């Protein structure tokens, strides 16, 4: 499994909460286990305590994304470093999952799971993946969706670093909202222009009657 894959762990955890909507799906052991995806062996260790632990980690990871989104690279790196110091990883070389055409192992770095609990294992994995993404592609590749009230975290993998939304759905909703706002503004400007013209015309008529 490549290190880049692990960065999605951080996104999945952060996006279990919708702070501006008051939503939170991280409410049970089952929800914790779903976060692990295909890593079912690690997920089986999850307990009720991991719900609270992961919520704390979630807040700290969101702070990393928010700092990066605000352009504060140093703060984003400092926050992520603090997490990695608290939740260290144990890398190892692995090749048992993948074989090339000749049957030889495809050696790659793998994060060994020797953590004391599910939260520690998940957090170490998420932070390592996020650190790899950040150092390879840049801090500005970490973002927060601009579509209110979404505010989901995302990883920008676009070629021109142009991503602003977490999904096509949010992008469409934001574009529709912007279009409607422009139409309202155009309508208001048109109405003001019409009223101004009517006022000027009335003034001219009054002036003409006064001259007579």
N, C-alpha and C. Protein backbone atom coordinates (compact mmCIF):
# COMPACT_ATOMS: atom_id res chain seq x y z
N UNK A 1 0.85 -1.20 0.00
CA UNK A 1 0.00 0.00 0.00
C UNK A 1 0.88 1.24 0.00
N UNK A 2 0.67 2.19 -0.89
CA UNK A 2 1.51 3.37 -0.99
C UNK A 2 1.16 4.38 0.09
N UNK A 3 2.16 5.16 0.49
CA UNK A 3 1.94 6.14 1.54
C UNK A 3 0.90 7.18 1.16
N UNK A 4 0.85 7.53 -0.12
CA UNK A 4 -0.11 8.54 -0.57
C UNK A 4 -1.54 8.13 -0.26
N UNK A 5 -1.79 6.83 -0.26
CA UNK A 5 -3.14 6.34 0.01
C UNK A 5 -3.60 6.73 1.40
N UNK A 6 -2.68 6.75 2.34
CA UNK A 6 -3.03 7.00 3.73
C UNK A 6 -3.54 8.41 3.99
N UNK A 7 -3.24 9.35 3.11
CA UNK A 7 -3.68 10.73 3.34
C UNK A 7 -5.20 10.83 3.38
N UNK A 8 -5.87 9.91 2.71
CA UNK A 8 -7.33 9.92 2.70
C UNK A 8 -7.90 9.59 4.07
N UNK A 9 -7.11 8.92 4.92
CA UNK A 9 -7.57 8.65 6.28
C UNK A 9 -7.89 9.96 7.00
N UNK A 10 -7.02 10.95 6.83
CA UNK A 10 -7.22 12.24 7.50
C UNK A 10 -8.48 12.92 7.00
N UNK A 11 -8.68 12.89 5.68
CA UNK A 11 -9.87 13.52 5.09
C UNK A 11 -11.14 12.85 5.60
N UNK A 12 -11.14 11.53 5.60
CA UNK A 12 -12.33 10.80 6.05
C UNK A 12 -12.68 11.13 7.49
N UNK A 13 -11.67 11.22 8.35
CA UNK A 13 -11.93 11.53 9.76
C UNK A 13 -12.45 12.95 9.92
N UNK A 14 -11.79 13.92 9.33
CA UNK A 14 -12.21 15.32 9.45
C UNK A 14 -13.65 15.50 8.97
N UNK A 15 -14.00 14.82 7.90
CA UNK A 15 -15.31 15.03 7.29
C UNK A 15 -16.43 14.23 7.94
N UNK A 16 -16.14 13.58 9.07
CA UNK A 16 -17.23 12.97 9.83
C UNK A 16 -18.02 14.04 10.59
N UNK A 17 -17.49 15.25 10.59
CA UNK A 17 -18.18 16.35 11.28
C UNK A 17 -18.51 17.46 10.30
N UNK A 18 -19.70 18.01 10.43
CA UNK A 18 -20.13 19.18 9.67
C UNK A 18 -20.39 20.30 10.68
N UNK A 19 -19.34 21.03 11.08
CA UNK A 19 -19.47 22.00 12.18
C UNK A 19 -20.51 23.09 11.96
N UNK A 20 -20.65 23.58 10.74
CA UNK A 20 -21.60 24.66 10.50
C UNK A 20 -23.03 24.15 10.36
N UNK A 21 -23.17 22.84 10.18
CA UNK A 21 -24.50 22.23 10.11
C UNK A 21 -24.87 21.53 11.40
N UNK A 22 -23.91 21.41 12.31
CA UNK A 22 -24.17 20.72 13.56
C UNK A 22 -24.26 19.22 13.39
N UNK A 23 -23.64 18.68 12.33
CA UNK A 23 -23.71 17.25 12.06
C UNK A 23 -22.46 16.52 12.52
N UNK A 24 -22.65 15.27 12.95
CA UNK A 24 -21.53 14.46 13.40
C UNK A 24 -21.90 12.99 13.22
N UNK A 25 -21.16 12.28 12.37
CA UNK A 25 -21.43 10.86 12.14
C UNK A 25 -20.52 9.95 12.95
N UNK A 26 -19.55 10.55 13.66
CA UNK A 26 -18.64 9.75 14.48
C UNK A 26 -19.26 9.57 15.86
N UNK A 27 -20.22 8.67 15.95
CA UNK A 27 -21.01 8.53 17.18
C UNK A 27 -21.02 7.11 17.74
N UNK A 28 -20.35 6.18 17.09
CA UNK A 28 -20.41 4.79 17.53
C UNK A 28 -19.15 4.04 17.14
N UNK A 29 -18.99 2.85 17.73
CA UNK A 29 -17.85 1.99 17.38
C UNK A 29 -17.93 1.59 15.91
N UNK A 30 -19.15 1.36 15.44
CA UNK A 30 -19.33 0.99 14.03
C UNK A 30 -18.82 2.10 13.11
N UNK A 31 -19.08 3.36 13.48
CA UNK A 31 -18.60 4.49 12.69
C UNK A 31 -17.07 4.55 12.69
N UNK A 32 -16.47 4.23 13.82
CA UNK A 32 -15.00 4.20 13.90
C UNK A 32 -14.46 3.13 12.97
N UNK A 33 -15.07 1.96 12.99
CA UNK A 33 -14.59 0.86 12.16
C UNK A 33 -14.72 1.16 10.67
N UNK A 34 -15.75 1.90 10.31
CA UNK A 34 -15.93 2.27 8.90
C UNK A 34 -14.80 3.16 8.41
N UNK A 35 -14.22 3.94 9.31
CA UNK A 35 -13.13 4.84 8.92
C UNK A 35 -11.91 4.07 8.41
N UNK A 36 -11.72 2.86 8.90
CA UNK A 36 -10.54 2.09 8.54
C UNK A 36 -10.61 1.52 7.13
N UNK A 37 -11.78 1.52 6.53
CA UNK A 37 -11.91 1.00 5.17
C UNK A 37 -11.54 -0.46 5.08
N UNK A 38 -10.55 -0.76 4.23
CA UNK A 38 -10.16 -2.16 4.01
C UNK A 38 -9.31 -2.73 5.14
N UNK A 39 -8.83 -1.87 6.02
CA UNK A 39 -7.98 -2.35 7.13
C UNK A 39 -8.84 -2.93 8.24
N UNK A 40 -9.49 -4.03 7.95
CA UNK A 40 -10.45 -4.60 8.88
C UNK A 40 -9.81 -5.16 10.15
N UNK A 41 -8.59 -5.66 10.05
CA UNK A 41 -7.93 -6.21 11.22
C UNK A 41 -7.70 -5.13 12.27
N UNK A 42 -7.25 -3.96 11.83
CA UNK A 42 -7.06 -2.84 12.76
C UNK A 42 -8.38 -2.33 13.29
N UNK A 43 -9.41 -2.36 12.45
CA UNK A 43 -10.72 -1.85 12.85
C UNK A 43 -11.35 -2.68 13.96
N UNK A 44 -11.02 -3.96 14.00
CA UNK A 44 -11.64 -4.83 15.00
C UNK A 44 -11.25 -4.47 16.42
N UNK A 45 -10.17 -3.72 16.59
CA UNK A 45 -9.73 -3.33 17.94
C UNK A 45 -10.48 -2.13 18.49
N UNK A 46 -11.31 -1.52 17.68
CA UNK A 46 -12.00 -0.29 18.11
C UNK A 46 -12.96 -0.57 19.27
N UNK A 47 -13.01 0.39 20.20
CA UNK A 47 -13.92 0.31 21.34
C UNK A 47 -14.65 1.64 21.48
N UNK A 48 -15.55 1.71 22.42
CA UNK A 48 -16.29 2.96 22.66
C UNK A 48 -15.35 4.13 22.96
N UNK A 49 -14.24 3.85 23.61
CA UNK A 49 -13.29 4.91 23.97
C UNK A 49 -12.71 5.58 22.73
N UNK A 50 -12.64 4.85 21.63
CA UNK A 50 -12.05 5.41 20.42
C UNK A 50 -12.93 6.49 19.78
N UNK A 51 -14.21 6.48 20.09
CA UNK A 51 -15.09 7.53 19.57
C UNK A 51 -14.64 8.88 20.11
N UNK A 52 -14.44 8.96 21.43
CA UNK A 52 -14.01 10.20 22.05
C UNK A 52 -12.59 10.57 21.63
N UNK A 53 -11.72 9.58 21.61
CA UNK A 53 -10.32 9.85 21.23
C UNK A 53 -10.23 10.40 19.81
N UNK A 54 -10.94 9.77 18.90
CA UNK A 54 -10.86 10.21 17.50
C UNK A 54 -11.51 11.56 17.27
N UNK A 55 -12.51 11.89 18.07
CA UNK A 55 -13.10 13.23 17.95
C UNK A 55 -12.08 14.30 18.29
N UNK A 56 -11.25 14.02 19.29
CA UNK A 56 -10.19 14.97 19.67
C UNK A 56 -9.17 15.10 18.54
N UNK A 57 -8.77 13.97 17.98
CA UNK A 57 -7.83 13.99 16.86
C UNK A 57 -8.44 14.72 15.67
N UNK A 58 -9.72 14.49 15.44
CA UNK A 58 -10.42 15.14 14.33
C UNK A 58 -10.31 16.66 14.40
N UNK A 59 -10.51 17.22 15.57
CA UNK A 59 -10.41 18.67 15.74
C UNK A 59 -9.00 19.16 15.40
N UNK A 60 -8.01 18.40 15.80
CA UNK A 60 -6.63 18.80 15.55
C UNK A 60 -6.26 18.68 14.07
N UNK A 61 -6.79 17.66 13.42
CA UNK A 61 -6.54 17.52 11.98
C UNK A 61 -7.26 18.60 11.18
N UNK A 62 -8.47 18.95 11.61
CA UNK A 62 -9.18 20.03 10.92
C UNK A 62 -8.38 21.33 11.03
N UNK A 63 -7.75 21.55 12.17
CA UNK A 63 -6.93 22.75 12.36
C UNK A 63 -5.78 22.78 11.35
N UNK A 64 -5.23 21.61 11.02
CA UNK A 64 -4.16 21.53 10.01
C UNK A 64 -4.68 21.99 8.66
N UNK A 65 -5.84 21.45 8.26
CA UNK A 65 -6.44 21.82 6.98
C UNK A 65 -6.81 23.31 6.95
N UNK A 66 -7.35 23.81 8.04
CA UNK A 66 -7.76 25.22 8.08
C UNK A 66 -6.56 26.15 7.99
N UNK A 67 -5.47 25.79 8.66
CA UNK A 67 -4.25 26.60 8.59
C UNK A 67 -3.70 26.60 7.16
N UNK A 68 -3.68 25.43 6.53
CA UNK A 68 -3.20 25.34 5.16
C UNK A 68 -4.10 26.14 4.22
N UNK A 69 -5.41 26.03 4.41
CA UNK A 69 -6.37 26.74 3.57
C UNK A 69 -6.22 28.25 3.72
N UNK A 70 -5.83 28.71 4.92
CA UNK A 70 -5.66 30.13 5.16
C UNK A 70 -4.29 30.63 4.70
N UNK A 71 -3.45 29.73 4.21
CA UNK A 71 -2.14 30.13 3.71
C UNK A 71 -1.05 30.16 4.76
N UNK A 72 -1.35 29.67 5.96
CA UNK A 72 -0.35 29.66 7.04
C UNK A 72 0.37 28.31 7.02
N UNK A 73 1.36 28.18 6.15
CA UNK A 73 2.06 26.92 5.98
C UNK A 73 2.80 26.48 7.24
N UNK A 74 3.44 27.42 7.91
CA UNK A 74 4.22 27.08 9.09
C UNK A 74 3.32 26.51 10.19
N UNK A 75 2.19 27.14 10.41
CA UNK A 75 1.27 26.64 11.43
C UNK A 75 0.75 25.25 11.06
N UNK A 76 0.40 25.05 9.80
CA UNK A 76 -0.09 23.75 9.35
C UNK A 76 0.94 22.66 9.62
N UNK A 77 2.19 22.95 9.29
CA UNK A 77 3.27 21.97 9.49
C UNK A 77 3.50 21.74 10.98
N UNK A 78 3.50 22.79 11.76
CA UNK A 78 3.72 22.65 13.21
C UNK A 78 2.62 21.80 13.85
N UNK A 79 1.38 22.02 13.45
CA UNK A 79 0.27 21.25 14.01
C UNK A 79 0.36 19.78 13.62
N UNK A 80 0.76 19.52 12.37
CA UNK A 80 0.89 18.14 11.93
C UNK A 80 2.08 17.47 12.58
N UNK A 81 3.18 18.19 12.74
CA UNK A 81 4.35 17.63 13.43
C UNK A 81 4.02 17.25 14.87
N UNK A 82 3.23 18.08 15.52
CA UNK A 82 2.85 17.80 16.91
C UNK A 82 2.06 16.49 17.00
N UNK A 83 1.19 16.28 16.05
CA UNK A 83 0.42 15.04 16.01
C UNK A 83 1.33 13.84 15.75
N UNK A 84 2.27 13.99 14.82
CA UNK A 84 3.15 12.86 14.49
C UNK A 84 4.09 12.52 15.63
N UNK A 85 4.47 13.51 16.43
CA UNK A 85 5.29 13.22 17.60
C UNK A 85 4.49 12.46 18.65
N UNK A 86 3.23 12.77 18.75
CA UNK A 86 2.36 12.11 19.73
C UNK A 86 1.93 10.73 19.25
N UNK A 87 1.81 10.58 17.93
CA UNK A 87 1.37 9.31 17.35
C UNK A 87 2.39 8.87 16.29
N UNK A 88 3.53 8.33 16.73
CA UNK A 88 4.59 7.94 15.78
C UNK A 88 4.21 6.70 14.98
N UNK A 89 4.85 6.53 13.84
CA UNK A 89 4.60 5.38 12.98
C UNK A 89 5.78 4.42 13.03
N UNK A 90 5.52 3.20 12.59
CA UNK A 90 6.56 2.18 12.48
C UNK A 90 6.58 1.68 11.03
N UNK A 91 7.40 2.30 10.19
CA UNK A 91 7.41 1.88 8.77
C UNK A 91 8.15 0.56 8.58
N UNK A 92 7.74 -0.18 7.59
CA UNK A 92 8.46 -1.39 7.22
C UNK A 92 8.29 -1.61 5.73
N UNK A 93 9.23 -2.36 5.15
CA UNK A 93 9.15 -2.69 3.72
C UNK A 93 8.26 -3.91 3.55
N UNK A 94 7.32 -3.78 2.62
CA UNK A 94 6.38 -4.88 2.40
C UNK A 94 6.27 -5.17 0.90
N UNK A 95 5.89 -6.39 0.59
CA UNK A 95 5.70 -6.74 -0.82
C UNK A 95 4.82 -7.95 -0.99
N UNK A 96 4.24 -8.40 0.11
CA UNK A 96 3.47 -9.64 0.05
C UNK A 96 2.13 -9.47 -0.65
N UNK A 97 1.60 -8.22 -0.73
CA UNK A 97 0.29 -8.04 -1.35
C UNK A 97 0.35 -7.97 -2.86
N UNK A 98 1.48 -7.50 -3.40
CA UNK A 98 1.56 -7.22 -4.83
C UNK A 98 2.72 -7.99 -5.49
N UNK A 99 2.46 -8.46 -6.70
CA UNK A 99 3.49 -9.17 -7.47
C UNK A 99 3.56 -8.59 -8.87
N UNK A 100 4.78 -8.57 -9.44
CA UNK A 100 4.91 -8.10 -10.82
C UNK A 100 4.61 -9.25 -11.78
N UNK A 101 4.84 -9.04 -13.06
CA UNK A 101 4.51 -10.05 -14.07
C UNK A 101 5.34 -11.32 -13.92
N UNK A 102 6.47 -11.20 -13.27
CA UNK A 102 7.34 -12.37 -13.08
C UNK A 102 7.13 -13.03 -11.72
N UNK A 103 6.15 -12.54 -10.99
CA UNK A 103 5.87 -13.14 -9.69
C UNK A 103 6.73 -12.63 -8.56
N UNK A 104 7.55 -11.63 -8.85
CA UNK A 104 8.41 -11.06 -7.81
C UNK A 104 7.64 -10.02 -7.01
N UNK A 105 7.94 -9.87 -5.72
CA UNK A 105 7.24 -8.88 -4.90
C UNK A 105 7.51 -7.46 -5.37
N UNK A 106 6.49 -6.62 -5.33
CA UNK A 106 6.66 -5.19 -5.59
C UNK A 106 6.90 -4.51 -4.25
N UNK A 107 8.15 -4.31 -3.94
CA UNK A 107 8.51 -3.77 -2.62
C UNK A 107 8.05 -2.31 -2.49
N UNK A 108 7.50 -1.99 -1.33
CA UNK A 108 7.03 -0.63 -1.06
C UNK A 108 7.00 -0.43 0.45
N UNK A 109 6.97 0.84 0.85
CA UNK A 109 6.89 1.16 2.26
C UNK A 109 5.47 0.94 2.76
N UNK A 110 5.38 0.33 3.90
CA UNK A 110 4.10 0.01 4.52
C UNK A 110 4.17 0.47 5.97
N UNK A 111 3.07 0.94 6.51
CA UNK A 111 3.05 1.36 7.92
C UNK A 111 2.61 0.19 8.77
N UNK A 112 3.53 -0.30 9.59
CA UNK A 112 3.21 -1.41 10.49
C UNK A 112 2.34 -0.91 11.63
N UNK A 113 1.41 -1.73 12.05
CA UNK A 113 0.49 -1.33 13.10
C UNK A 113 0.85 -2.01 14.42
N UNK A 114 1.58 -1.26 15.25
CA UNK A 114 1.92 -1.76 16.58
C UNK A 114 1.34 -0.84 17.65
N UNK A 115 0.30 -0.09 17.29
CA UNK A 115 -0.26 0.90 18.21
C UNK A 115 -1.01 0.23 19.35
N UNK A 116 -1.13 1.00 20.44
CA UNK A 116 -1.78 0.47 21.64
C UNK A 116 -3.28 0.37 21.50
N UNK A 117 -3.87 1.20 20.64
CA UNK A 117 -5.32 1.16 20.45
C UNK A 117 -5.66 1.60 19.04
N UNK A 118 -6.93 1.50 18.69
CA UNK A 118 -7.36 1.81 17.33
C UNK A 118 -7.11 3.27 16.97
N UNK A 119 -7.35 4.17 17.91
CA UNK A 119 -7.15 5.60 17.64
C UNK A 119 -5.69 5.91 17.31
N UNK A 120 -4.79 5.36 18.12
CA UNK A 120 -3.36 5.61 17.90
C UNK A 120 -2.93 5.08 16.54
N UNK A 121 -3.41 3.90 16.18
CA UNK A 121 -3.05 3.33 14.89
C UNK A 121 -3.61 4.13 13.73
N UNK A 122 -4.87 4.51 13.83
CA UNK A 122 -5.50 5.29 12.77
C UNK A 122 -4.83 6.65 12.63
N UNK A 123 -4.59 7.32 13.74
CA UNK A 123 -4.02 8.66 13.70
C UNK A 123 -2.61 8.66 13.13
N UNK A 124 -1.79 7.69 13.54
CA UNK A 124 -0.43 7.60 13.02
C UNK A 124 -0.46 7.41 11.51
N UNK A 125 -1.36 6.56 11.05
CA UNK A 125 -1.49 6.30 9.61
C UNK A 125 -1.95 7.55 8.87
N UNK A 126 -2.99 8.20 9.40
CA UNK A 126 -3.53 9.40 8.76
C UNK A 126 -2.49 10.51 8.68
N UNK A 127 -1.77 10.72 9.76
CA UNK A 127 -0.78 11.81 9.80
C UNK A 127 0.40 11.53 8.87
N UNK A 128 0.82 10.28 8.79
CA UNK A 128 1.92 9.94 7.90
C UNK A 128 1.51 10.16 6.45
N UNK A 129 0.30 9.74 6.12
CA UNK A 129 -0.18 9.96 4.77
C UNK A 129 -0.31 11.42 4.42
N UNK A 130 -0.82 12.20 5.38
CA UNK A 130 -0.99 13.63 5.16
C UNK A 130 0.37 14.32 5.03
N UNK A 131 1.33 13.89 5.84
CA UNK A 131 2.67 14.46 5.76
C UNK A 131 3.32 14.16 4.42
N UNK A 132 3.11 12.96 3.91
CA UNK A 132 3.65 12.59 2.60
C UNK A 132 3.02 13.45 1.52
N UNK A 133 1.72 13.61 1.58
CA UNK A 133 1.01 14.43 0.59
C UNK A 133 1.51 15.88 0.65
N UNK A 134 1.66 16.39 1.86
CA UNK A 134 2.06 17.78 2.06
C UNK A 134 3.47 18.04 1.54
N UNK A 135 4.40 17.15 1.86
CA UNK A 135 5.79 17.38 1.46
C UNK A 135 6.02 17.12 -0.02
N UNK A 136 5.28 16.20 -0.61
CA UNK A 136 5.46 15.87 -2.02
C UNK A 136 4.77 16.86 -2.94
N UNK A 137 3.57 17.34 -2.53
CA UNK A 137 2.77 18.17 -3.42
C UNK A 137 2.64 19.62 -2.96
N UNK A 138 2.85 19.89 -1.69
CA UNK A 138 2.75 21.26 -1.19
C UNK A 138 1.62 21.45 -0.19
N UNK A 139 1.84 22.36 0.75
CA UNK A 139 0.83 22.63 1.78
C UNK A 139 -0.45 23.17 1.16
N UNK A 140 -0.32 23.91 0.06
CA UNK A 140 -1.51 24.51 -0.56
C UNK A 140 -2.42 23.47 -1.21
N UNK A 141 -2.02 22.20 -1.16
CA UNK A 141 -2.88 21.13 -1.68
C UNK A 141 -3.90 20.67 -0.64
N UNK A 142 -3.81 21.20 0.56
CA UNK A 142 -4.78 20.90 1.60
C UNK A 142 -5.79 22.04 1.64
N UNK A 143 -7.06 21.73 1.55
CA UNK A 143 -8.05 22.80 1.50
C UNK A 143 -9.32 22.51 2.27
N UNK A 144 -10.11 23.57 2.45
CA UNK A 144 -11.44 23.49 3.05
C UNK A 144 -12.44 23.97 2.01
N UNK A 145 -13.48 23.20 1.81
CA UNK A 145 -14.48 23.51 0.79
C UNK A 145 -15.05 24.91 0.99
N UNK A 146 -15.11 25.69 -0.09
CA UNK A 146 -15.62 27.06 -0.02
C UNK A 146 -17.14 27.14 -0.05
N UNK A 147 -17.80 26.02 -0.31
CA UNK A 147 -19.26 26.03 -0.41
C UNK A 147 -19.87 25.99 0.98
N UNK A 148 -20.40 27.11 1.42
CA UNK A 148 -21.09 27.15 2.71
C UNK A 148 -22.44 26.46 2.60
N UNK A 149 -22.83 25.71 3.64
CA UNK A 149 -22.14 25.50 4.91
C UNK A 149 -21.32 24.21 4.96
N UNK A 150 -20.82 23.73 3.84
CA UNK A 150 -20.15 22.44 3.80
C UNK A 150 -18.90 22.41 4.68
N UNK A 151 -17.85 23.08 4.25
CA UNK A 151 -16.59 23.18 4.98
C UNK A 151 -15.88 21.84 5.16
N UNK A 152 -16.09 20.91 4.22
CA UNK A 152 -15.36 19.65 4.25
C UNK A 152 -13.90 19.87 3.88
N UNK A 153 -13.04 19.00 4.40
CA UNK A 153 -11.63 19.03 4.02
C UNK A 153 -11.46 18.27 2.71
N UNK A 154 -10.42 18.63 1.94
CA UNK A 154 -10.13 17.90 0.71
C UNK A 154 -8.65 18.00 0.39
N UNK A 155 -8.19 17.11 -0.46
CA UNK A 155 -6.82 17.12 -0.96
C UNK A 155 -6.87 17.48 -2.44
N UNK A 156 -6.21 18.54 -2.80
CA UNK A 156 -6.22 19.03 -4.18
C UNK A 156 -5.21 18.25 -5.00
N UNK A 157 -5.71 17.47 -5.95
CA UNK A 157 -4.83 16.71 -6.83
C UNK A 157 -4.91 17.22 -8.27
N UNK A 158 -5.52 18.39 -8.46
CA UNK A 158 -5.64 18.96 -9.80
C UNK A 158 -4.27 19.37 -10.33
N UNK A 159 -4.14 19.41 -11.64
CA UNK A 159 -2.85 19.73 -12.24
C UNK A 159 -2.46 21.19 -12.05
N UNK A 160 -3.45 22.07 -11.95
CA UNK A 160 -3.15 23.50 -11.84
C UNK A 160 -3.49 24.10 -10.47
N UNK A 161 -3.63 23.23 -9.47
CA UNK A 161 -3.88 23.68 -8.09
C UNK A 161 -5.10 24.60 -8.01
N UNK A 162 -6.15 24.24 -8.72
CA UNK A 162 -7.30 25.14 -8.83
C UNK A 162 -8.52 24.68 -8.02
N UNK A 163 -8.41 23.58 -7.33
CA UNK A 163 -9.58 23.04 -6.65
C UNK A 163 -10.01 23.96 -5.50
N UNK A 164 -11.32 24.18 -5.38
CA UNK A 164 -11.86 25.03 -4.31
C UNK A 164 -12.98 24.35 -3.54
N UNK A 165 -13.45 23.23 -4.05
CA UNK A 165 -14.59 22.54 -3.43
C UNK A 165 -14.26 21.07 -3.21
N UNK A 166 -14.95 20.47 -2.25
CA UNK A 166 -14.67 19.09 -1.90
C UNK A 166 -15.27 18.10 -2.89
N UNK A 167 -16.25 18.54 -3.67
CA UNK A 167 -16.93 17.63 -4.59
C UNK A 167 -17.55 18.41 -5.74
N UNK A 168 -17.93 17.69 -6.79
CA UNK A 168 -18.62 18.33 -7.92
C UNK A 168 -19.97 18.88 -7.46
N UNK A 169 -20.60 18.21 -6.53
CA UNK A 169 -21.90 18.66 -6.03
C UNK A 169 -21.78 20.04 -5.39
N UNK A 170 -20.76 20.21 -4.54
CA UNK A 170 -20.57 21.51 -3.89
C UNK A 170 -20.19 22.58 -4.91
N UNK A 171 -19.38 22.21 -5.90
CA UNK A 171 -18.98 23.17 -6.93
C UNK A 171 -20.20 23.64 -7.70
N UNK A 172 -21.08 22.71 -8.05
CA UNK A 172 -22.29 23.07 -8.79
C UNK A 172 -23.19 23.96 -7.95
N UNK A 173 -23.37 23.60 -6.68
CA UNK A 173 -24.22 24.39 -5.81
C UNK A 173 -23.69 25.81 -5.64
N UNK A 174 -22.37 25.93 -5.50
CA UNK A 174 -21.76 27.25 -5.35
C UNK A 174 -21.90 28.08 -6.62
N UNK A 175 -21.73 27.44 -7.78
CA UNK A 175 -21.87 28.15 -9.05
C UNK A 175 -23.31 28.63 -9.27
N UNK A 176 -24.27 27.78 -8.90
CA UNK A 176 -25.67 28.17 -9.03
C UNK A 176 -25.98 29.35 -8.10
N UNK A 177 -25.47 29.28 -6.88
CA UNK A 177 -25.71 30.36 -5.92
C UNK A 177 -25.09 31.67 -6.41
N UNK A 178 -23.88 31.58 -6.98
CA UNK A 178 -23.21 32.78 -7.50
C UNK A 178 -23.98 33.35 -8.68
N UNK A 179 -24.50 32.47 -9.54
CA UNK A 179 -25.29 32.92 -10.70
C UNK A 179 -26.55 33.65 -10.24
N UNK A 180 -27.24 33.08 -9.27
CA UNK A 180 -28.46 33.70 -8.76
C UNK A 180 -28.16 35.04 -8.09
N UNK A 181 -27.02 35.11 -7.40
CA UNK A 181 -26.64 36.36 -6.75
C UNK A 181 -26.37 37.44 -7.79
N UNK A 182 -25.70 37.06 -8.89
CA UNK A 182 -25.44 38.03 -9.96
C UNK A 182 -26.74 38.52 -10.58
N UNK A 183 -27.68 37.60 -10.79
CA UNK A 183 -28.97 37.97 -11.37
C UNK A 183 -29.74 38.91 -10.45
N UNK A 184 -29.69 38.65 -9.15
CA UNK A 184 -30.37 39.54 -8.19
C UNK A 184 -29.75 40.93 -8.24
N UNK A 185 -28.41 40.98 -8.28
CA UNK A 185 -27.72 42.26 -8.32
C UNK A 185 -28.06 43.02 -9.60
N UNK A 186 -28.09 42.32 -10.73
CA UNK A 186 -28.44 42.96 -12.00
C UNK A 186 -29.87 43.50 -11.95
N UNK A 187 -30.76 42.72 -11.34
CA UNK A 187 -32.16 43.15 -11.23
C UNK A 187 -32.29 44.39 -10.35
N UNK A 188 -31.54 44.39 -9.23
CA UNK A 188 -31.59 45.54 -8.33
C UNK A 188 -31.03 46.78 -9.01
N UNK A 189 -29.95 46.61 -9.76
CA UNK A 189 -29.36 47.75 -10.47
C UNK A 189 -30.33 48.28 -11.52
N UNK A 190 -30.99 47.36 -12.21
CA UNK A 190 -31.96 47.76 -13.24
C UNK A 190 -33.12 48.52 -12.62
N UNK A 191 -33.60 48.03 -11.47
CA UNK A 191 -34.70 48.70 -10.78
C UNK A 191 -34.31 50.10 -10.31
N UNK A 192 -33.06 50.21 -9.80
CA UNK A 192 -32.59 51.53 -9.34
C UNK A 192 -32.49 52.49 -10.52
N UNK A 193 -31.99 51.97 -11.65
CA UNK A 193 -31.88 52.81 -12.85
C UNK A 193 -33.24 53.29 -13.32
N UNK A 194 -34.22 52.37 -13.30
CA UNK A 194 -35.58 52.73 -13.72
C UNK A 194 -36.18 53.78 -12.79
N UNK A 195 -35.96 53.60 -11.48
CA UNK A 195 -36.50 54.58 -10.51
C UNK A 195 -35.85 55.94 -10.68
N UNK A 196 -34.54 55.92 -10.95
CA UNK A 196 -33.83 57.18 -11.15
C UNK A 196 -34.36 57.90 -12.39
N UNK A 197 -34.60 57.12 -13.46
CA UNK A 197 -35.12 57.71 -14.69
C UNK A 197 -36.53 58.28 -14.47
N UNK A 198 -37.35 57.56 -13.71
CA UNK A 198 -38.71 58.03 -13.43
C UNK A 198 -38.68 59.31 -12.60
N UNK A 199 -37.76 59.35 -11.63
CA UNK A 199 -37.63 60.54 -10.78
C UNK A 199 -37.21 61.75 -11.61
N UNK A 200 -36.26 61.53 -12.51
CA UNK A 200 -35.78 62.62 -13.37
C UNK A 200 -36.88 63.11 -14.29
N UNK A 201 -37.66 62.16 -14.82
CA UNK A 201 -38.74 62.53 -15.72
C UNK A 201 -39.81 63.32 -14.98
N UNK A 202 -40.12 62.89 -13.75
CA UNK A 202 -41.11 63.60 -12.94
C UNK A 202 -40.64 65.01 -12.62
N UNK A 203 -39.36 65.12 -12.32
CA UNK A 203 -38.80 66.43 -12.01
C UNK A 203 -38.88 67.36 -13.22
N UNK A 204 -38.60 66.81 -14.39
CA UNK A 204 -38.68 67.62 -15.61
C UNK A 204 -40.11 68.09 -15.87
N UNK A 205 -41.06 67.19 -15.66
CA UNK A 205 -42.46 67.55 -15.86
C UNK A 205 -42.90 68.64 -14.89
N UNK A 206 -42.47 68.50 -13.65
CA UNK A 206 -42.81 69.51 -12.63
C UNK A 206 -42.21 70.83 -12.98
N UNK A 207 -40.97 70.80 -13.45
CA UNK A 207 -40.29 72.03 -13.83
C UNK A 207 -40.99 72.70 -14.99
N UNK A 208 -41.43 71.87 -15.95
CA UNK A 208 -42.12 72.42 -17.11
C UNK A 208 -43.43 73.05 -16.72
N UNK A 209 -44.17 72.46 -15.80
CA UNK A 209 -45.43 73.05 -15.34
C UNK A 209 -45.20 74.34 -14.59
N UNK A 210 -44.07 74.40 -13.89
CA UNK A 210 -43.75 75.61 -13.14
C UNK A 210 -43.41 76.76 -14.06
N UNK A 211 -42.77 76.46 -15.18
CA UNK A 211 -42.42 77.51 -16.14
C UNK A 211 -43.66 78.15 -16.73
N UNK A 212 -44.71 77.34 -16.91
CA UNK A 212 -45.94 77.90 -17.47
C UNK A 212 -46.65 78.75 -16.45
